[in-house]
C-alpha atoms as a PDB file:
ATOM      1  CA  MET A   1       0.000   0.000   0.000  1.00  0.00           C
ATOM      2  CA  ALA A   2       2.699   2.501   0.986  1.00  0.00           C
ATOM      3  CA  THR A   3       4.744   1.549  -2.083  1.00  0.00           C
ATOM      4  CA  GLN A   4       1.811   2.189  -4.432  1.00  0.00           C
ATOM      5  CA  LEU A   5       1.107   5.494  -2.697  1.00  0.00           C
ATOM      6  CA  MET A   6       4.738   6.534  -3.174  1.00  0.00           C
ATOM      7  CA  ARG A   7       4.600   5.582  -6.872  1.00  0.00           C
ATOM      8  CA  ASN A   8       1.441   7.629  -7.354  1.00  0.00           C
ATOM      9  CA  LEU A   9       2.970  10.632  -5.570  1.00  0.00           C
ATOM     10  CA  MET A  10       6.117  10.350  -7.687  1.00  0.00           C
ATOM     11  CA  ARG A  11       4.055  10.262 -10.895  1.00  0.00           C
ATOM     12  CA  LEU A  12       2.047  13.285  -9.783  1.00  0.00           C
ATOM     13  CA  GLY A  13       5.204  15.177  -8.851  1.00  0.00           C
ATOM     14  CA  ASN A  14       6.803  14.344 -12.203  1.00  0.00           C
ATOM     15  CA  SER A  15       3.694  15.437 -14.122  1.00  0.00           C
ATOM     16  CA  LEU A  16       3.600  18.746 -12.257  1.00  0.00           C
ATOM     17  CA  GLY A  17       7.322  19.297 -12.747  1.00  0.00           C
ATOM     18  CA  VAL A  18       7.139  18.597 -16.482  1.00  0.00           C
ATOM     19  CA  SER A  19       4.132  20.893 -16.866  1.00  0.00           C
ATOM     20  CA  LEU A  20       5.788  23.753 -14.948  1.00  0.00           C
ATOM     21  CA  TYR A  21       9.010  23.341 -16.923  1.00  0.00           C
ATOM     22  CA  ARG A  22       7.158  23.518 -20.251  1.00  0.00           C
ATOM     23  CA  ARG A  23       4.912  26.436 -19.293  1.00  0.00           C
ATOM     24  CA  SER A  24       7.798  28.465 -17.911  1.00  0.00           C
ATOM     25  CA  HIS A  25      10.143  27.617 -20.815  1.00  0.00           C
ATOM     26  CA  GLY A  26      12.520  25.951 -18.368  1.00  0.00           C
ATOM     27  CA  ARG A  27      12.680  28.834 -15.894  1.00  0.00           C
ATOM     28  CA  ILE A  28      10.822  26.780 -13.253  1.00  0.00           C
ATOM     29  CA  GLY A  29      12.315  23.352 -12.685  1.00  0.00           C
ATOM     30  CA  GLY A  30      15.320  24.053 -14.894  1.00  0.00           C
ATOM     31  CA  GLY A  31      17.897  23.409 -12.193  1.00  0.00           C
ATOM     32  CA  ALA A  32      18.465  21.263  -9.135  1.00  0.00           C
ATOM     33  CA  LYS A  33      21.413  21.065  -6.731  1.00  0.00           C
ATOM     34  CA  GLY A  34      23.523  23.203  -9.037  1.00  0.00           C
ATOM     35  CA  LEU A  35      22.798  21.058 -12.096  1.00  0.00           C
ATOM     36  CA  GLN A  36      20.764  21.894 -15.159  1.00  0.00           C
ATOM     37  CA  VAL A  37      17.539  19.967 -15.734  1.00  0.00           C
ATOM     38  CA  CYS A  38      16.097  18.896 -19.067  1.00  0.00           C
ATOM     39  CA  LEU A  39      12.937  17.115 -20.088  1.00  0.00           C
ATOM     40  CA  LEU A  40      13.767  13.678 -21.459  1.00  0.00           C
ATOM     41  CA  THR A  41      11.154  11.917 -23.583  1.00  0.00           C
ATOM     42  CA  VAL A  42      11.786   8.263 -24.328  1.00  0.00           C
ATOM     43  CA  PRO A  43       9.499   5.521 -25.667  1.00  0.00           C
ATOM     44  CA  GLY A  44       8.388   2.922 -23.133  1.00  0.00           C
ATOM     45  CA  ARG A  45      10.187  -0.380 -23.622  1.00  0.00           C
ATOM     46  CA  ARG A  46       6.944  -2.398 -23.624  1.00  0.00           C
ATOM     47  CA  THR A  47       4.320  -0.034 -25.021  1.00  0.00           C
ATOM     48  CA  GLY A  48       6.380   2.293 -27.176  1.00  0.00           C
ATOM     49  CA  GLN A  49       4.353   5.183 -25.738  1.00  0.00           C
ATOM     50  CA  PRO A  50       6.461   8.286 -25.024  1.00  0.00           C
ATOM     51  CA  HIS A  51       7.210   9.091 -21.387  1.00  0.00           C
ATOM     52  CA  THR A  52       8.628  12.449 -20.304  1.00  0.00           C
ATOM     53  CA  VAL A  53      10.609  13.011 -17.116  1.00  0.00           C
ATOM     54  CA  ALA A  54      12.639  15.896 -15.741  1.00  0.00           C
ATOM     55  CA  VAL A  55      16.248  14.772 -15.256  1.00  0.00           C
ATOM     56  CA  ALA A  56      19.480  16.464 -14.258  1.00  0.00           C
ATOM     57  CA  PHE A  57      22.159  16.501 -16.918  1.00  0.00           C
ATOM     58  CA  MET A  58      25.752  17.547 -17.450  1.00  0.00           C
ATOM     59  CA  GLU A  59      27.270  18.788 -20.687  1.00  0.00           C
ATOM     60  CA  HIS A  60      30.477  16.998 -21.653  1.00  0.00           C
ATOM     61  CA  ASP A  61      32.369  16.847 -24.958  1.00  0.00           C
ATOM     62  CA  GLY A  62      29.419  18.079 -26.999  1.00  0.00           C
ATOM     63  CA  ALA A  63      26.989  15.592 -25.471  1.00  0.00           C
ATOM     64  CA  HIS A  64      24.601  15.509 -22.536  1.00  0.00           C
ATOM     65  CA  LEU A  65      25.156  13.019 -19.710  1.00  0.00           C
ATOM     66  CA  VAL A  66      22.208  11.781 -17.655  1.00  0.00           C
ATOM     67  CA  MET A  67      22.698   9.660 -14.563  1.00  0.00           C
ATOM     68  CA  GLY A  68      20.144   7.048 -13.499  1.00  0.00           C
ATOM     69  CA  SER A  69      20.532   7.708  -9.783  1.00  0.00           C
ATOM     70  CA  GLY A  70      16.861   7.810  -8.846  1.00  0.00           C
ATOM     71  CA  GLY A  71      17.940   9.975  -5.929  1.00  0.00           C
ATOM     72  CA  GLY A  72      19.596   6.937  -4.360  1.00  0.00           C
ATOM     73  CA  GLN A  73      16.600   4.597  -4.618  1.00  0.00           C
ATOM     74  CA  LYS A  74      17.374   0.891  -5.005  1.00  0.00           C
ATOM     75  CA  PRO A  75      15.612   0.205  -8.312  1.00  0.00           C
ATOM     76  CA  GLU A  76      16.957   1.751 -11.487  1.00  0.00           C
ATOM     77  CA  PRO A  77      14.639   4.524 -12.727  1.00  0.00           C
ATOM     78  CA  GLN A  78      12.138   3.403 -15.362  1.00  0.00           C
ATOM     79  CA  TRP A  79      13.312   6.109 -17.745  1.00  0.00           C
ATOM     80  CA  MET A  80      16.839   4.630 -17.675  1.00  0.00           C
ATOM     81  CA  ARG A  81      15.472   1.151 -18.306  1.00  0.00           C
ATOM     82  CA  ASN A  82      13.591   2.587 -21.280  1.00  0.00           C
ATOM     83  CA  LEU A  83      16.723   4.380 -22.533  1.00  0.00           C
ATOM     84  CA  ARG A  84      18.617   1.079 -22.507  1.00  0.00           C
ATOM     85  CA  VAL A  85      16.454  -0.222 -25.361  1.00  0.00           C
ATOM     86  CA  ALA A  86      15.609   3.042 -27.151  1.00  0.00           C
ATOM     87  CA  SER A  87      17.329   3.986 -30.382  1.00  0.00           C
ATOM     88  CA  ARG A  88      16.098   7.606 -30.186  1.00  0.00           C
ATOM     89  CA  ALA A  89      14.887  10.042 -27.542  1.00  0.00           C
ATOM     90  CA  THR A  90      14.248  13.770 -27.295  1.00  0.00           C
ATOM     91  CA  ILE A  91      15.487  16.325 -24.813  1.00  0.00           C
ATOM     92  CA  GLN A  92      14.106  19.761 -24.113  1.00  0.00           C
ATOM     93  CA  ILE A  93      16.342  22.402 -22.580  1.00  0.00           C
ATOM     94  CA  GLY A  94      14.414  25.617 -22.074  1.00  0.00           C
ATOM     95  CA  ASP A  95      12.466  26.038 -25.322  1.00  0.00           C
ATOM     96  CA  GLU A  96      14.874  24.014 -27.456  1.00  0.00           C
ATOM     97  CA  VAL A  97      13.798  20.464 -28.309  1.00  0.00           C
ATOM     98  CA  ARG A  98      16.155  18.105 -30.107  1.00  0.00           C
ATOM     99  CA  GLU A  99      16.319  14.457 -31.021  1.00  0.00           C
ATOM    100  CA  VAL A 100      19.199  12.482 -29.519  1.00  0.00           C
ATOM    101  CA  THR A 101      20.678   9.022 -29.755  1.00  0.00           C
ATOM    102  CA  PRO A 102      21.181   7.462 -26.305  1.00  0.00           C
ATOM    103  CA  ARG A 103      24.131   5.240 -25.455  1.00  0.00           C
ATOM    104  CA  ILE A 104      24.630   3.641 -22.033  1.00  0.00           C
ATOM    105  CA  THR A 105      28.245   3.705 -20.909  1.00  0.00           C
ATOM    106  CA  ALA A 106      29.991   0.684 -19.413  1.00  0.00           C
ATOM    107  CA  GLY A 107      33.307  -0.431 -17.967  1.00  0.00           C
ATOM    108  CA  GLU A 108      36.245   1.957 -18.088  1.00  0.00           C
ATOM    109  CA  GLU A 109      34.309   4.642 -19.959  1.00  0.00           C
ATOM    110  CA  ARG A 110      31.572   4.702 -17.322  1.00  0.00           C
ATOM    111  CA  ASP A 111      34.100   4.725 -14.472  1.00  0.00           C
ATOM    112  CA  ARG A 112      36.092   7.572 -16.063  1.00  0.00           C
ATOM    113  CA  LEU A 113      32.963   9.685 -16.619  1.00  0.00           C
ATOM    114  CA  TRP A 114      31.730   8.894 -13.104  1.00  0.00           C
ATOM    115  CA  HIS A 115      34.936  10.075 -11.414  1.00  0.00           C
ATOM    116  CA  ASP A 116      36.226  12.765 -13.779  1.00  0.00           C
ATOM    117  CA  VAL A 117      32.923  14.405 -14.707  1.00  0.00           C
ATOM    118  CA  VAL A 118      30.002  13.438 -12.458  1.00  0.00           C
ATOM    119  CA  LEU A 119      31.718  13.363  -9.059  1.00  0.00           C
ATOM    120  CA  ALA A 120      34.000  16.277  -9.979  1.00  0.00           C
ATOM    121  CA  ARG A 121      30.946  18.473 -10.610  1.00  0.00           C
ATOM    122  CA  ALA A 122      28.423  16.946  -8.213  1.00  0.00           C
ATOM    123  CA  PRO A 123      30.115  14.971  -5.416  1.00  0.00           C
ATOM    124  CA  PHE A 124      26.750  14.243  -3.744  1.00  0.00           C
ATOM    125  CA  PHE A 125      26.158  11.532  -6.380  1.00  0.00           C
ATOM    126  CA  VAL A 126      28.487   9.260  -4.399  1.00  0.00           C
ATOM    127  CA  LYS A 127      25.855   9.188  -1.631  1.00  0.00           C
ATOM    128  CA  TYR A 128      23.195   8.170  -4.149  1.00  0.00           C
ATOM    129  CA  GLU A 129      25.335   5.257  -5.290  1.00  0.00           C
ATOM    130  CA  GLU A 130      26.075   4.175  -1.716  1.00  0.00           C
ATOM    131  CA  ARG A 131      22.411   4.433  -0.692  1.00  0.00           C
ATOM    132  CA  SER A 132      21.151   2.557  -3.744  1.00  0.00           C
ATOM    133  CA  GLY A 133      23.627  -0.309  -3.438  1.00  0.00           C
ATOM    134  CA  ARG A 134      24.034  -0.379  -7.231  1.00  0.00           C
ATOM    135  CA  THR A 135      26.279   1.149  -9.857  1.00  0.00           C
ATOM    136  CA  ILE A 136      24.611   4.332 -11.121  1.00  0.00           C
ATOM    137  CA  PRO A 137      24.351   4.130 -14.920  1.00  0.00           C
ATOM    138  CA  ILE A 138      25.375   7.031 -17.137  1.00  0.00           C
ATOM    139  CA  ALA A 139      23.818   7.609 -20.549  1.00  0.00           C
ATOM    140  CA  VAL A 140      25.408   9.760 -23.227  1.00  0.00           C
ATOM    141  CA  LEU A 141      22.857  11.630 -25.338  1.00  0.00           C
ATOM    142  CA  ARG A 142      24.149  12.906 -28.719  1.00  0.00           C
END
């Protein structure tokens, strides 16, 4: 019961956040903990229906990095699970919407980005990884 309630509250919060971001052209909801926030739209892995979430991102080498931290929750965020199988997605930053190709990093590349980019800019992500008990995935969006 409590788990379903939390899921419903999370969905409501995401819907409100996405709506505010769009209506304010990214001025409301466009940043969190010193990071920029974008709207990521990715097809669902089972239904193919588009799902939009507000996610923090970092710019790096001409691409956007998104981290599937889920704020330190144990399960991987659904949007990251969807990105794993998606060949295309869209991101909206402010008023600009663009199509991107997602690629999930692994091994040495993931570790290098995690330490040299993510933790260098946002050291609090280490707490998310510790709390979740899993390796936080990083997707490159180009």
